[in-house]
PDB file of N, CA and C in Angstrom:
ATOM      1  N   MET A   1      16.236 -31.579 -56.989  1.00  0.00           N
ATOM      2  CA  MET A   1      16.473 -32.997 -57.109  1.00  0.00           C
ATOM      3  C   MET A   1      15.357 -33.803 -56.435  1.00  0.00           C
ATOM      4  N   ASN A   2      14.853 -33.316 -55.315  1.00  0.00           N
ATOM      5  CA  ASN A   2      13.839 -34.081 -54.596  1.00  0.00           C
ATOM      6  C   ASN A   2      12.552 -34.294 -55.388  1.00  0.00           C
ATOM      7  N   PRO A   3      12.005 -33.285 -56.085  1.00  0.00           N
ATOM      8  CA  PRO A   3      10.775 -33.544 -56.841  1.00  0.00           C
ATOM      9  C   PRO A   3      10.927 -34.667 -57.878  1.00  0.00           C
ATOM     10  N   ALA A   4      12.093 -34.760 -58.497  1.00  0.00           N
ATOM     11  CA  ALA A   4      12.328 -35.798 -59.502  1.00  0.00           C
ATOM     12  C   ALA A   4      12.429 -37.187 -58.874  1.00  0.00           C
ATOM     13  N   ASN A   5      12.642 -37.245 -57.566  1.00  0.00           N
ATOM     14  CA  ASN A   5      12.814 -38.519 -56.880  1.00  0.00           C
ATOM     15  C   ASN A   5      11.662 -38.840 -55.927  1.00  0.00           C
ATOM     16  N   ASN A   6      10.579 -38.109 -56.016  1.00  0.00           N
ATOM     17  CA  ASN A   6       9.446 -38.281 -55.112  1.00  0.00           C
ATOM     18  C   ASN A   6       8.885 -39.703 -55.123  1.00  0.00           C
ATOM     19  N   ARG A   7       8.845 -40.321 -56.278  1.00  0.00           N
ATOM     20  CA  ARG A   7       8.307 -41.686 -56.374  1.00  0.00           C
ATOM     21  C   ARG A   7       9.422 -42.738 -56.468  1.00  0.00           C
ATOM     22  N   ASN A   8      10.628 -42.331 -56.177  1.00  0.00           N
ATOM     23  CA  ASN A   8      11.777 -43.218 -56.236  1.00  0.00           C
ATOM     24  C   ASN A   8      11.904 -43.950 -54.891  1.00  0.00           C
ATOM     25  N   PRO A   9      11.626 -45.262 -54.836  1.00  0.00           N
ATOM     26  CA  PRO A   9      11.690 -45.994 -53.569  1.00  0.00           C
ATOM     27  C   PRO A   9      13.116 -46.139 -53.035  1.00  0.00           C
ATOM     28  N   ASN A  10      14.123 -45.801 -53.849  1.00  0.00           N
ATOM     29  CA  ASN A  10      15.520 -45.899 -53.426  1.00  0.00           C
ATOM     30  C   ASN A  10      16.101 -44.542 -53.042  1.00  0.00           C
ATOM     31  N   PHE A  11      15.230 -43.606 -52.713  1.00  0.00           N
ATOM     32  CA  PHE A  11      15.661 -42.242 -52.380  1.00  0.00           C
ATOM     33  C   PHE A  11      15.155 -41.877 -50.982  1.00  0.00           C
ATOM     34  N   GLY A  12      15.760 -42.473 -49.974  1.00  0.00           N
ATOM     35  CA  GLY A  12      15.454 -42.122 -48.598  1.00  0.00           C
ATOM     36  C   GLY A  12      14.139 -42.635 -48.063  1.00  0.00           C
ATOM     37  N   GLN A  13      13.577 -43.619 -48.705  1.00  0.00           N
ATOM     38  CA  GLN A  13      12.318 -44.191 -48.237  1.00  0.00           C
ATOM     39  C   GLN A  13      12.629 -45.210 -47.139  1.00  0.00           C
ATOM     40  N   VAL A  14      11.969 -45.084 -46.013  1.00  0.00           N
ATOM     41  CA  VAL A  14      12.182 -45.989 -44.894  1.00  0.00           C
ATOM     42  C   VAL A  14      10.878 -46.739 -44.622  1.00  0.00           C
ATOM     43  N   GLY A  15      10.977 -48.048 -44.490  1.00  0.00           N
ATOM     44  CA  GLY A  15       9.799 -48.865 -44.188  1.00  0.00           C
ATOM     45  C   GLY A  15       8.756 -48.799 -45.284  1.00  0.00           C
ATOM     46  N   THR A  16       7.526 -48.543 -44.909  1.00  0.00           N
ATOM     47  CA  THR A  16       6.415 -48.534 -45.866  1.00  0.00           C
ATOM     48  C   THR A  16       5.993 -47.119 -46.257  1.00  0.00           C
ATOM     49  N   GLU A  17       6.868 -46.160 -46.087  1.00  0.00           N
ATOM     50  CA  GLU A  17       6.523 -44.786 -46.461  1.00  0.00           C
ATOM     51  C   GLU A  17       6.146 -44.721 -47.932  1.00  0.00           C
ATOM     52  N   PRO A  18       5.168 -43.909 -48.287  1.00  0.00           N
ATOM     53  CA  PRO A  18       4.671 -43.883 -49.665  1.00  0.00           C
ATOM     54  C   PRO A  18       5.523 -43.091 -50.651  1.00  0.00           C
ATOM     55  N   ALA A  19       6.451 -42.285 -50.165  1.00  0.00           N
ATOM     56  CA  ALA A  19       7.218 -41.445 -51.095  1.00  0.00           C
ATOM     57  C   ALA A  19       8.698 -41.464 -50.754  1.00  0.00           C
ATOM     58  N   GLY A  20       9.517 -41.304 -51.790  1.00  0.00           N
ATOM     59  CA  GLY A  20      10.943 -41.143 -51.577  1.00  0.00           C
ATOM     60  C   GLY A  20      11.228 -39.725 -51.125  1.00  0.00           C
ATOM     61  N   GLY A  21      12.379 -39.519 -50.526  1.00  0.00           N
ATOM     62  CA  GLY A  21      12.790 -38.180 -50.155  1.00  0.00           C
ATOM     63  C   GLY A  21      12.294 -37.692 -48.811  1.00  0.00           C
ATOM     64  N   HIS A  22      11.583 -38.548 -48.085  1.00  0.00           N
ATOM     65  CA  HIS A  22      11.099 -38.103 -46.781  1.00  0.00           C
ATOM     66  C   HIS A  22      12.270 -37.823 -45.842  1.00  0.00           C
ATOM     67  N   TRP A  23      13.284 -38.661 -45.894  1.00  0.00           N
ATOM     68  CA  TRP A  23      14.439 -38.511 -45.005  1.00  0.00           C
ATOM     69  C   TRP A  23      15.701 -38.092 -45.734  1.00  0.00           C
ATOM     70  N   LEU A  24      15.624 -37.918 -47.012  1.00  0.00           N
ATOM     71  CA  LEU A  24      16.814 -37.593 -47.798  1.00  0.00           C
ATOM     72  C   LEU A  24      16.577 -36.289 -48.543  1.00  0.00           C
ATOM     73  N   TYR A  25      17.587 -35.459 -48.556  1.00  0.00           N
ATOM     74  CA  TYR A  25      17.488 -34.202 -49.291  1.00  0.00           C
ATOM     75  C   TYR A  25      18.739 -34.078 -50.151  1.00  0.00           C
ATOM     76  N   ALA A  26      18.556 -33.718 -51.416  1.00  0.00           N
ATOM     77  CA  ALA A  26      19.688 -33.603 -52.342  1.00  0.00           C
ATOM     78  C   ALA A  26      19.563 -32.325 -53.149  1.00  0.00           C
ATOM     79  N   TRP A  27      20.700 -31.724 -53.467  1.00  0.00           N
ATOM     80  CA  TRP A  27      20.680 -30.530 -54.300  1.00  0.00           C
ATOM     81  C   TRP A  27      21.979 -30.394 -55.080  1.00  0.00           C
ATOM     82  N   LEU A  28      21.920 -29.564 -56.095  1.00  0.00           N
ATOM     83  CA  LEU A  28      23.055 -29.280 -56.975  1.00  0.00           C
ATOM     84  C   LEU A  28      23.394 -27.797 -56.910  1.00  0.00           C
ATOM     85  N   ARG A  29      24.656 -27.493 -57.132  1.00  0.00           N
ATOM     86  CA  ARG A  29      25.111 -26.113 -57.287  1.00  0.00           C
ATOM     87  C   ARG A  29      26.093 -26.074 -58.451  1.00  0.00           C
ATOM     88  N   PHE A  30      26.039 -24.995 -59.210  1.00  0.00           N
ATOM     89  CA  PHE A  30      26.979 -24.791 -60.311  1.00  0.00           C
ATOM     90  C   PHE A  30      27.406 -23.330 -60.308  1.00  0.00           C
ATOM     91  N   ASP A  31      28.708 -23.099 -60.320  1.00  0.00           N
ATOM     92  CA  ASP A  31      29.239 -21.742 -60.395  1.00  0.00           C
ATOM     93  C   ASP A  31      29.745 -21.518 -61.814  1.00  0.00           C
ATOM     94  N   PRO A  32      29.068 -20.676 -62.596  1.00  0.00           N
ATOM     95  CA  PRO A  32      29.473 -20.481 -63.992  1.00  0.00           C
ATOM     96  C   PRO A  32      30.845 -19.809 -64.140  1.00  0.00           C
ATOM     97  N   VAL A  33      31.290 -19.083 -63.132  1.00  0.00           N
ATOM     98  CA  VAL A  33      32.599 -18.420 -63.211  1.00  0.00           C
ATOM     99  C   VAL A  33      33.725 -19.436 -63.060  1.00  0.00           C
ATOM    100  N   THR A  34      33.650 -20.255 -62.014  1.00  0.00           N
ATOM    101  CA  THR A  34      34.720 -21.228 -61.757  1.00  0.00           C
ATOM    102  C   THR A  34      34.462 -22.579 -62.415  1.00  0.00           C
ATOM    103  N   GLN A  35      33.229 -22.787 -62.906  1.00  0.00           N
ATOM    104  CA  GLN A  35      32.799 -24.068 -63.472  1.00  0.00           C
ATOM    105  C   GLN A  35      32.761 -25.188 -62.432  1.00  0.00           C
ATOM    106  N   GLN A  36      32.706 -24.830 -61.156  1.00  0.00           N
ATOM    107  CA  GLN A  36      32.637 -25.828 -60.097  1.00  0.00           C
ATOM    108  C   GLN A  36      31.210 -26.361 -59.991  1.00  0.00           C
ATOM    109  N   ARG A  37      31.107 -27.693 -59.914  1.00  0.00           N
ATOM    110  CA  ARG A  37      29.831 -28.383 -59.796  1.00  0.00           C
ATOM    111  C   ARG A  37      29.802 -29.152 -58.482  1.00  0.00           C
ATOM    112  N   LEU A  38      28.749 -28.944 -57.705  1.00  0.00           N
ATOM    113  CA  LEU A  38      28.631 -29.577 -56.402  1.00  0.00           C
ATOM    114  C   LEU A  38      27.305 -30.317 -56.300  1.00  0.00           C
ATOM    115  N   PHE A  39      27.348 -31.457 -55.634  1.00  0.00           N
ATOM    116  CA  PHE A  39      26.170 -32.297 -55.430  1.00  0.00           C
ATOM    117  C   PHE A  39      26.170 -32.726 -53.966  1.00  0.00           C
ATOM    118  N   ALA A  40      25.120 -32.384 -53.242  1.00  0.00           N
ATOM    119  CA  ALA A  40      25.035 -32.733 -51.825  1.00  0.00           C
ATOM    120  C   ALA A  40      23.822 -33.615 -51.567  1.00  0.00           C
ATOM    121  N   VAL A  41      23.987 -34.550 -50.633  1.00  0.00           N
ATOM    122  CA  VAL A  41      22.919 -35.454 -50.215  1.00  0.00           C
ATOM    123  C   VAL A  41      22.982 -35.552 -48.692  1.00  0.00           C
ATOM    124  N   VAL A  42      21.847 -35.344 -48.029  1.00  0.00           N
ATOM    125  CA  VAL A  42      21.805 -35.353 -46.565  1.00  0.00           C
ATOM    126  C   VAL A  42      20.782 -36.383 -46.088  1.00  0.00           C
ATOM    127  N   ASN A  43      21.191 -37.214 -45.139  1.00  0.00           N
ATOM    128  CA  ASN A  43      20.285 -38.146 -44.469  1.00  0.00           C
ATOM    129  C   ASN A  43      19.778 -37.454 -43.207  1.00  0.00           C
ATOM    130  N   LEU A  44      18.497 -37.116 -43.183  1.00  0.00           N
ATOM    131  CA  LEU A  44      17.899 -36.393 -42.067  1.00  0.00           C
ATOM    132  C   LEU A  44      17.272 -37.301 -41.012  1.00  0.00           C
ATOM    133  N   HIS A  45      17.337 -38.617 -41.222  1.00  0.00           N
ATOM    134  CA  HIS A  45      16.741 -39.551 -40.263  1.00  0.00           C
ATOM    135  C   HIS A  45      17.635 -39.644 -39.027  1.00  0.00           C
ATOM    136  N   ALA A  46      17.009 -39.604 -37.847  1.00  0.00           N
ATOM    137  CA  ALA A  46      17.769 -39.619 -36.591  1.00  0.00           C
ATOM    138  C   ALA A  46      18.382 -40.974 -36.252  1.00  0.00           C
ATOM    139  N   LYS A  47      17.854 -42.061 -36.839  1.00  0.00           N
ATOM    140  CA  LYS A  47      18.331 -43.393 -36.454  1.00  0.00           C
ATOM    141  C   LYS A  47      18.734 -44.283 -37.618  1.00  0.00           C
ATOM    142  N   GLU A  48      18.098 -44.128 -38.765  1.00  0.00           N
ATOM    143  CA  GLU A  48      18.277 -45.066 -39.877  1.00  0.00           C
ATOM    144  C   GLU A  48      19.443 -44.698 -40.796  1.00  0.00           C
ATOM    145  N   GLU A  49      20.302 -45.672 -41.045  1.00  0.00           N
ATOM    146  CA  GLU A  49      21.302 -45.551 -42.105  1.00  0.00           C
ATOM    147  C   GLU A  49      20.580 -45.830 -43.424  1.00  0.00           C
ATOM    148  N   LEU A  50      20.799 -44.996 -44.409  1.00  0.00           N
ATOM    149  CA  LEU A  50      20.141 -45.199 -45.698  1.00  0.00           C
ATOM    150  C   LEU A  50      21.061 -45.993 -46.614  1.00  0.00           C
ATOM    151  N   LYS A  51      20.593 -47.176 -47.010  1.00  0.00           N
ATOM    152  CA  LYS A  51      21.369 -48.070 -47.865  1.00  0.00           C
ATOM    153  C   LYS A  51      20.656 -48.212 -49.202  1.00  0.00           C
ATOM    154  N   GLY A  52      21.413 -48.495 -50.241  1.00  0.00           N
ATOM    155  CA  GLY A  52      20.825 -48.723 -51.553  1.00  0.00           C
ATOM    156  C   GLY A  52      20.253 -47.463 -52.185  1.00  0.00           C
ATOM    157  N   THR A  53      20.744 -46.312 -51.778  1.00  0.00           N
ATOM    158  CA  THR A  53      20.236 -45.047 -52.312  1.00  0.00           C
ATOM    159  C   THR A  53      20.637 -44.878 -53.769  1.00  0.00           C
ATOM    160  N   ARG A  54      19.666 -44.465 -54.579  1.00  0.00           N
ATOM    161  CA  ARG A  54      19.899 -44.157 -55.986  1.00  0.00           C
ATOM    162  C   ARG A  54      19.208 -42.836 -56.273  1.00  0.00           C
ATOM    163  N   VAL A  55      19.976 -41.899 -56.816  1.00  0.00           N
ATOM    164  CA  VAL A  55      19.454 -40.561 -57.096  1.00  0.00           C
ATOM    165  C   VAL A  55      19.235 -40.421 -58.594  1.00  0.00           C
ATOM    166  N   LEU A  56      17.996 -40.126 -58.960  1.00  0.00           N
ATOM    167  CA  LEU A  56      17.667 -39.878 -60.364  1.00  0.00           C
ATOM    168  C   LEU A  56      17.972 -38.422 -60.697  1.00  0.00           C
ATOM    169  N   PHE A  57      18.677 -38.195 -61.793  1.00  0.00           N
ATOM    170  CA  PHE A  57      19.001 -36.853 -62.263  1.00  0.00           C
ATOM    171  C   PHE A  57      18.110 -36.529 -63.454  1.00  0.00           C
ATOM    172  N   PRO A  58      17.129 -35.666 -63.270  1.00  0.00           N
ATOM    173  CA  PRO A  58      16.276 -35.312 -64.404  1.00  0.00           C
ATOM    174  C   PRO A  58      17.073 -34.524 -65.449  1.00  0.00           C
ATOM    175  N   LYS A  59      16.528 -34.464 -66.633  1.00  0.00           N
ATOM    176  CA  LYS A  59      17.169 -33.755 -67.741  1.00  0.00           C
ATOM    177  C   LYS A  59      17.525 -32.320 -67.357  1.00  0.00           C
ATOM    178  N   GLU A  60      16.637 -31.652 -66.639  1.00  0.00           N
ATOM    179  CA  GLU A  60      16.876 -30.266 -66.231  1.00  0.00           C
ATOM    180  C   GLU A  60      18.073 -30.138 -65.300  1.00  0.00           C
ATOM    181  N   ALA A  61      18.277 -31.113 -64.441  1.00  0.00           N
ATOM    182  CA  ALA A  61      19.415 -31.090 -63.526  1.00  0.00           C
ATOM    183  C   ALA A  61      20.726 -31.247 -64.297  1.00  0.00           C
ATOM    184  N   ILE A  62      20.733 -32.127 -65.262  1.00  0.00           N
ATOM    185  CA  ILE A  62      21.942 -32.330 -66.067  1.00  0.00           C
ATOM    186  C   ILE A  62      22.231 -31.081 -66.902  1.00  0.00           C
ATOM    187  N   GLU A  63      21.190 -30.469 -67.451  1.00  0.00           N
ATOM    188  CA  GLU A  63      21.380 -29.222 -68.198  1.00  0.00           C
ATOM    189  C   GLU A  63      21.909 -28.118 -67.292  1.00  0.00           C
ATOM    190  N   PHE A  64      21.430 -28.063 -66.053  1.00  0.00           N
ATOM    191  CA  PHE A  64      21.867 -27.072 -65.082  1.00  0.00           C
ATOM    192  C   PHE A  64      23.377 -27.158 -64.827  1.00  0.00           C
ATOM    193  N   LEU A  65      23.934 -28.373 -64.892  1.00  0.00           N
ATOM    194  CA  LEU A  65      25.364 -28.563 -64.645  1.00  0.00           C
ATOM    195  C   LEU A  65      26.243 -28.068 -65.793  1.00  0.00           C
ATOM    196  N   ARG A  66      25.639 -27.781 -66.922  1.00  0.00           N
ATOM    197  CA  ARG A  66      26.304 -27.170 -68.081  1.00  0.00           C
ATOM    198  C   ARG A  66      27.576 -27.881 -68.536  1.00  0.00           C
ATOM    199  N   PHE A  67      27.480 -29.190 -68.680  1.00  0.00           N
ATOM    200  CA  PHE A  67      28.584 -29.924 -69.283  1.00  0.00           C
ATOM    201  C   PHE A  67      28.660 -29.544 -70.749  1.00  0.00           C
ATOM    202  N   GLN A  68      29.852 -29.448 -71.272  1.00  0.00           N
ATOM    203  CA  GLN A  68      30.054 -29.113 -72.679  1.00  0.00           C
ATOM    204  C   GLN A  68      30.267 -30.395 -73.478  1.00  0.00           C
ATOM    205  N   PRO A  69      29.890 -30.396 -74.771  1.00  0.00           N
ATOM    206  CA  PRO A  69      30.048 -31.611 -75.591  1.00  0.00           C
ATOM    207  C   PRO A  69      31.490 -32.128 -75.633  1.00  0.00           C
ATOM    208  N   ASN A  70      32.461 -31.229 -75.535  1.00  0.00           N
ATOM    209  CA  ASN A  70      33.857 -31.670 -75.617  1.00  0.00           C
ATOM    210  C   ASN A  70      34.453 -31.996 -74.241  1.00  0.00           C
ATOM    211  N   ASP A  71      33.649 -31.912 -73.160  1.00  0.00           N
ATOM    212  CA  ASP A  71      34.131 -32.298 -71.835  1.00  0.00           C
ATOM    213  C   ASP A  71      34.418 -33.792 -71.806  1.00  0.00           C
ATOM    214  N   ASN A  72      35.304 -34.177 -70.922  1.00  0.00           N
ATOM    215  CA  ASN A  72      35.641 -35.582 -70.719  1.00  0.00           C
ATOM    216  C   ASN A  72      34.358 -36.368 -70.434  1.00  0.00           C
ATOM    217  N   PRO A  73      34.149 -37.507 -71.103  1.00  0.00           N
ATOM    218  CA  PRO A  73      32.918 -38.285 -70.861  1.00  0.00           C
ATOM    219  C   PRO A  73      32.919 -39.007 -69.515  1.00  0.00           C
ATOM    220  N   SER A  74      34.048 -38.995 -68.823  1.00  0.00           N
ATOM    221  CA  SER A  74      34.117 -39.602 -67.495  1.00  0.00           C
ATOM    222  C   SER A  74      33.873 -38.523 -66.443  1.00  0.00           C
ATOM    223  N   LEU A  75      33.433 -38.955 -65.289  1.00  0.00           N
ATOM    224  CA  LEU A  75      33.102 -38.032 -64.217  1.00  0.00           C
ATOM    225  C   LEU A  75      33.668 -38.570 -62.908  1.00  0.00           C
ATOM    226  N   ARG A  76      34.228 -37.665 -62.117  1.00  0.00           N
ATOM    227  CA  ARG A  76      34.739 -38.030 -60.793  1.00  0.00           C
ATOM    228  C   ARG A  76      33.923 -37.259 -59.756  1.00  0.00           C
ATOM    229  N   LEU A  77      33.421 -37.963 -58.751  1.00  0.00           N
ATOM    230  CA  LEU A  77      32.723 -37.344 -57.632  1.00  0.00           C
ATOM    231  C   LEU A  77      33.618 -37.494 -56.419  1.00  0.00           C
ATOM    232  N   THR A  78      34.112 -36.379 -55.911  1.00  0.00           N
ATOM    233  CA  THR A  78      35.019 -36.372 -54.770  1.00  0.00           C
ATOM    234  C   THR A  78      34.290 -35.821 -53.552  1.00  0.00           C
ATOM    235  N   GLU A  79      34.172 -36.626 -52.520  1.00  0.00           N
ATOM    236  CA  GLU A  79      33.470 -36.219 -51.310  1.00  0.00           C
ATOM    237  C   GLU A  79      34.360 -35.238 -50.547  1.00  0.00           C
ATOM    238  N   LYS A  80      33.816 -34.056 -50.228  1.00  0.00           N
ATOM    239  CA  LYS A  80      34.607 -32.974 -49.664  1.00  0.00           C
ATOM    240  C   LYS A  80      34.503 -32.827 -48.150  1.00  0.00           C
ATOM    241  N   LEU A  81      33.514 -33.432 -47.487  1.00  0.00           N
ATOM    242  CA  LEU A  81      33.400 -33.285 -46.034  1.00  0.00           C
ATOM    243  C   LEU A  81      34.400 -34.181 -45.311  1.00  0.00           C
ATOM    244  N   ALA A  82      34.299 -35.481 -45.515  1.00  0.00           N
ATOM    245  CA  ALA A  82      35.226 -36.413 -44.880  1.00  0.00           C
ATOM    246  C   ALA A  82      36.477 -36.603 -45.733  1.00  0.00           C
ATOM    247  N   GLY A  83      36.317 -36.432 -47.041  1.00  0.00           N
ATOM    248  CA  GLY A  83      37.454 -36.529 -47.944  1.00  0.00           C
ATOM    249  C   GLY A  83      37.979 -37.918 -48.185  1.00  0.00           C
ATOM    250  N   ASN A  84      37.212 -38.928 -47.847  1.00  0.00           N
ATOM    251  CA  ASN A  84      37.719 -40.294 -47.992  1.00  0.00           C
ATOM    252  C   ASN A  84      36.900 -41.126 -48.967  1.00  0.00           C
ATOM    253  N   LEU A  85      36.178 -40.460 -49.866  1.00  0.00           N
ATOM    254  CA  LEU A  85      35.340 -41.185 -50.806  1.00  0.00           C
ATOM    255  C   LEU A  85      35.433 -40.538 -52.174  1.00  0.00           C
ATOM    256  N   GLU A  86      35.662 -41.363 -53.165  1.00  0.00           N
ATOM    257  CA  GLU A  86      35.688 -40.871 -54.541  1.00  0.00           C
ATOM    258  C   GLU A  86      34.999 -41.903 -55.427  1.00  0.00           C
ATOM    259  N   LEU A  87      34.090 -41.421 -56.269  1.00  0.00           N
ATOM    260  CA  LEU A  87      33.380 -42.276 -57.200  1.00  0.00           C
ATOM    261  C   LEU A  87      33.764 -41.873 -58.613  1.00  0.00           C
ATOM    262  N   SER A  88      33.956 -42.840 -59.490  1.00  0.00           N
ATOM    263  CA  SER A  88      34.234 -42.576 -60.902  1.00  0.00           C
ATOM    264  C   SER A  88      33.175 -43.289 -61.724  1.00  0.00           C
ATOM    265  N   LEU A  89      32.666 -42.600 -62.738  1.00  0.00           N
ATOM    266  CA  LEU A  89      31.630 -43.168 -63.570  1.00  0.00           C
ATOM    267  C   LEU A  89      31.560 -42.418 -64.881  1.00  0.00           C
ATOM    268  N   PRO A  90      30.947 -43.017 -65.899  1.00  0.00           N
ATOM    269  CA  PRO A  90      30.719 -42.280 -67.142  1.00  0.00           C
ATOM    270  C   PRO A  90      29.717 -41.157 -66.863  1.00  0.00           C
ATOM    271  N   ARG A  91      29.953 -39.988 -67.411  1.00  0.00           N
ATOM    272  CA  ARG A  91      29.048 -38.857 -67.213  1.00  0.00           C
ATOM    273  C   ARG A  91      27.630 -39.202 -67.645  1.00  0.00           C
ATOM    274  N   ALA A  92      27.501 -40.014 -68.689  1.00  0.00           N
ATOM    275  CA  ALA A  92      26.182 -40.419 -69.189  1.00  0.00           C
ATOM    276  C   ALA A  92      25.389 -41.204 -68.139  1.00  0.00           C
ATOM    277  N   ALA A  93      26.058 -41.780 -67.151  1.00  0.00           N
ATOM    278  CA  ALA A  93      25.371 -42.551 -66.119  1.00  0.00           C
ATOM    279  C   ALA A  93      24.421 -41.681 -65.295  1.00  0.00           C
ATOM    280  N   LEU A  94      24.684 -40.382 -65.221  1.00  0.00           N
ATOM    281  CA  LEU A  94      23.784 -39.497 -64.475  1.00  0.00           C
ATOM    282  C   LEU A  94      22.377 -39.520 -65.067  1.00  0.00           C
ATOM    283  N   ALA A  95      22.304 -39.693 -66.382  1.00  0.00           N
ATOM    284  CA  ALA A  95      21.002 -39.698 -67.060  1.00  0.00           C
ATOM    285  C   ALA A  95      20.380 -41.088 -67.119  1.00  0.00           C
ATOM    286  N   GLY A  96      21.041 -42.075 -66.551  1.00  0.00           N
ATOM    287  CA  GLY A  96      20.547 -43.446 -66.622  1.00  0.00           C
ATOM    288  C   GLY A  96      19.245 -43.641 -65.860  1.00  0.00           C
ATOM    289  N   PRO A  97      18.458 -44.627 -66.257  1.00  0.00           N
ATOM    290  CA  PRO A  97      17.147 -44.856 -65.634  1.00  0.00           C
ATOM    291  C   PRO A  97      17.227 -45.365 -64.196  1.00  0.00           C
ATOM    292  N   ASP A  98      18.366 -45.921 -63.793  1.00  0.00           N
ATOM    293  CA  ASP A  98      18.498 -46.446 -62.437  1.00  0.00           C
ATOM    294  C   ASP A  98      19.016 -45.411 -61.450  1.00  0.00           C
ATOM    295  N   GLY A  99      19.524 -44.288 -61.953  1.00  0.00           N
ATOM    296  CA  GLY A  99      20.048 -43.248 -61.087  1.00  0.00           C
ATOM    297  C   GLY A  99      21.461 -43.527 -60.616  1.00  0.00           C
ATOM    298  N   LEU A 100      22.005 -42.575 -59.911  1.00  0.00           N
ATOM    299  CA  LEU A 100      23.359 -42.656 -59.376  1.00  0.00           C
ATOM    300  C   LEU A 100      23.324 -43.419 -58.058  1.00  0.00           C
ATOM    301  N   ALA A 101      24.040 -44.537 -57.994  1.00  0.00           N
ATOM    302  CA  ALA A 101      24.105 -45.343 -56.774  1.00  0.00           C
ATOM    303  C   ALA A 101      25.089 -44.707 -55.797  1.00  0.00           C
ATOM    304  N   LEU A 102      24.648 -44.573 -54.550  1.00  0.00           N
ATOM    305  CA  LEU A 102      25.498 -43.996 -53.508  1.00  0.00           C
ATOM    306  C   LEU A 102      25.791 -45.034 -52.436  1.00  0.00           C
ATOM    307  N   PRO A 103      26.963 -44.926 -51.792  1.00  0.00           N
ATOM    308  CA  PRO A 103      27.249 -45.799 -50.654  1.00  0.00           C
ATOM    309  C   PRO A 103      26.281 -45.498 -49.510  1.00  0.00           C
ATOM    310  N   ALA A 104      26.197 -46.406 -48.544  1.00  0.00           N
ATOM    311  CA  ALA A 104      25.334 -46.199 -47.377  1.00  0.00           C
ATOM    312  C   ALA A 104      25.655 -44.855 -46.729  1.00  0.00           C
ATOM    313  N   LEU A 105      24.596 -44.200 -46.259  1.00  0.00           N
ATOM    314  CA  LEU A 105      24.734 -42.882 -45.647  1.00  0.00           C
ATOM    315  C   LEU A 105      24.198 -42.961 -44.219  1.00  0.00           C
ATOM    316  N   ALA A 106      25.095 -42.780 -43.258  1.00  0.00           N
ATOM    317  CA  ALA A 106      24.713 -42.888 -41.845  1.00  0.00           C
ATOM    318  C   ALA A 106      23.673 -41.831 -41.482  1.00  0.00           C
ATOM    319  N   SER A 107      22.949 -42.076 -40.402  1.00  0.00           N
ATOM    320  CA  SER A 107      21.929 -41.126 -39.961  1.00  0.00           C
ATOM    321  C   SER A 107      22.565 -39.776 -39.638  1.00  0.00           C
ATOM    322  N   LEU A 108      21.827 -38.717 -39.945  1.00  0.00           N
ATOM    323  CA  LEU A 108      22.225 -37.344 -39.669  1.00  0.00           C
ATOM    324  C   LEU A 108      23.606 -36.984 -40.217  1.00  0.00           C
ATOM    325  N   THR A 109      23.904 -37.483 -41.405  1.00  0.00           N
ATOM    326  CA  THR A 109      25.169 -37.145 -42.058  1.00  0.00           C
ATOM    327  C   THR A 109      24.904 -36.754 -43.509  1.00  0.00           C
ATOM    328  N   ALA A 110      25.963 -36.301 -44.164  1.00  0.00           N
ATOM    329  CA  ALA A 110      25.827 -35.829 -45.541  1.00  0.00           C
ATOM    330  C   ALA A 110      27.027 -36.244 -46.371  1.00  0.00           C
ATOM    331  N   TYR A 111      26.780 -36.343 -47.669  1.00  0.00           N
ATOM    332  CA  TYR A 111      27.848 -36.394 -48.664  1.00  0.00           C
ATOM    333  C   TYR A 111      27.825 -35.060 -49.386  1.00  0.00           C
ATOM    334  N   PHE A 112      28.992 -34.497 -49.614  1.00  0.00           N
ATOM    335  CA  PHE A 112      29.118 -33.242 -50.340  1.00  0.00           C
ATOM    336  C   PHE A 112      30.171 -33.467 -51.425  1.00  0.00           C
ATOM    337  N   PHE A 113      29.687 -33.768 -52.635  1.00  0.00           N
ATOM    338  CA  PHE A 113      30.568 -34.145 -53.724  1.00  0.00           C
ATOM    339  C   PHE A 113      30.877 -32.975 -54.655  1.00  0.00           C
ATOM    340  N   GLU A 114      32.112 -32.907 -55.095  1.00  0.00           N
ATOM    341  CA  GLU A 114      32.471 -32.039 -56.201  1.00  0.00           C
ATOM    342  C   GLU A 114      32.508 -32.938 -57.431  1.00  0.00           C
ATOM    343  N   LEU A 115      31.838 -32.509 -58.523  1.00  0.00           N
ATOM    344  CA  LEU A 115      31.814 -33.244 -59.766  1.00  0.00           C
ATOM    345  C   LEU A 115      32.857 -32.630 -60.695  1.00  0.00           C
ATOM    346  N   SER A 116      33.758 -33.462 -61.189  1.00  0.00           N
ATOM    347  CA  SER A 116      34.818 -32.955 -62.066  1.00  0.00           C
ATOM    348  C   SER A 116      35.255 -34.044 -63.033  1.00  0.00           C
ATOM    349  N   SER A 117      36.062 -33.639 -63.994  1.00  0.00           N
ATOM    350  CA  SER A 117      36.676 -34.599 -64.910  1.00  0.00           C
ATOM    351  C   SER A 117      37.833 -35.269 -64.195  1.00  0.00           C
ATOM    352  N   PRO A 118      38.108 -36.530 -64.490  1.00  0.00           N
ATOM    353  CA  PRO A 118      39.203 -37.243 -63.810  1.00  0.00           C
ATOM    354  C   PRO A 118      40.568 -36.578 -63.985  1.00  0.00           C
ATOM    355  N   ASN A 119      40.752 -35.816 -65.057  1.00  0.00           N
ATOM    356  CA  ASN A 119      42.066 -35.216 -65.288  1.00  0.00           C
ATOM    357  C   ASN A 119      42.238 -33.866 -64.620  1.00  0.00           C
ATOM    358  N   LYS A 120      41.275 -33.420 -63.832  1.00  0.00           N
ATOM    359  CA  LYS A 120      41.396 -32.111 -63.148  1.00  0.00           C
ATOM    360  C   LYS A 120      41.797 -32.282 -61.720  1.00  0.00           C
TER     361      LYS A 120
END
């Protein structure tokens, strides 16, 4: 995920840093047996809360998640660490040019989302 967001100014860029992702790290996991999809984002900055974060999902990342054509077009992201955050959006939004908007992420913390259909 980080290489696709290297020039993304809304991906962990603090101050006048020239590249996104300096303080933010994101990755995907997919288990083909259970069909579980996970998306994690970590703020590695010791002091700065990251606000206005938008994660671009390249075509390869979306293919990696192996959504099927008959899957529900809606997507639910359920945060699994604190368990108090849930995002709902059209699955097609992952491929959007603006990226996935995330809530503010405090310093030295992470979001660990499970991606699923709203009816699961």
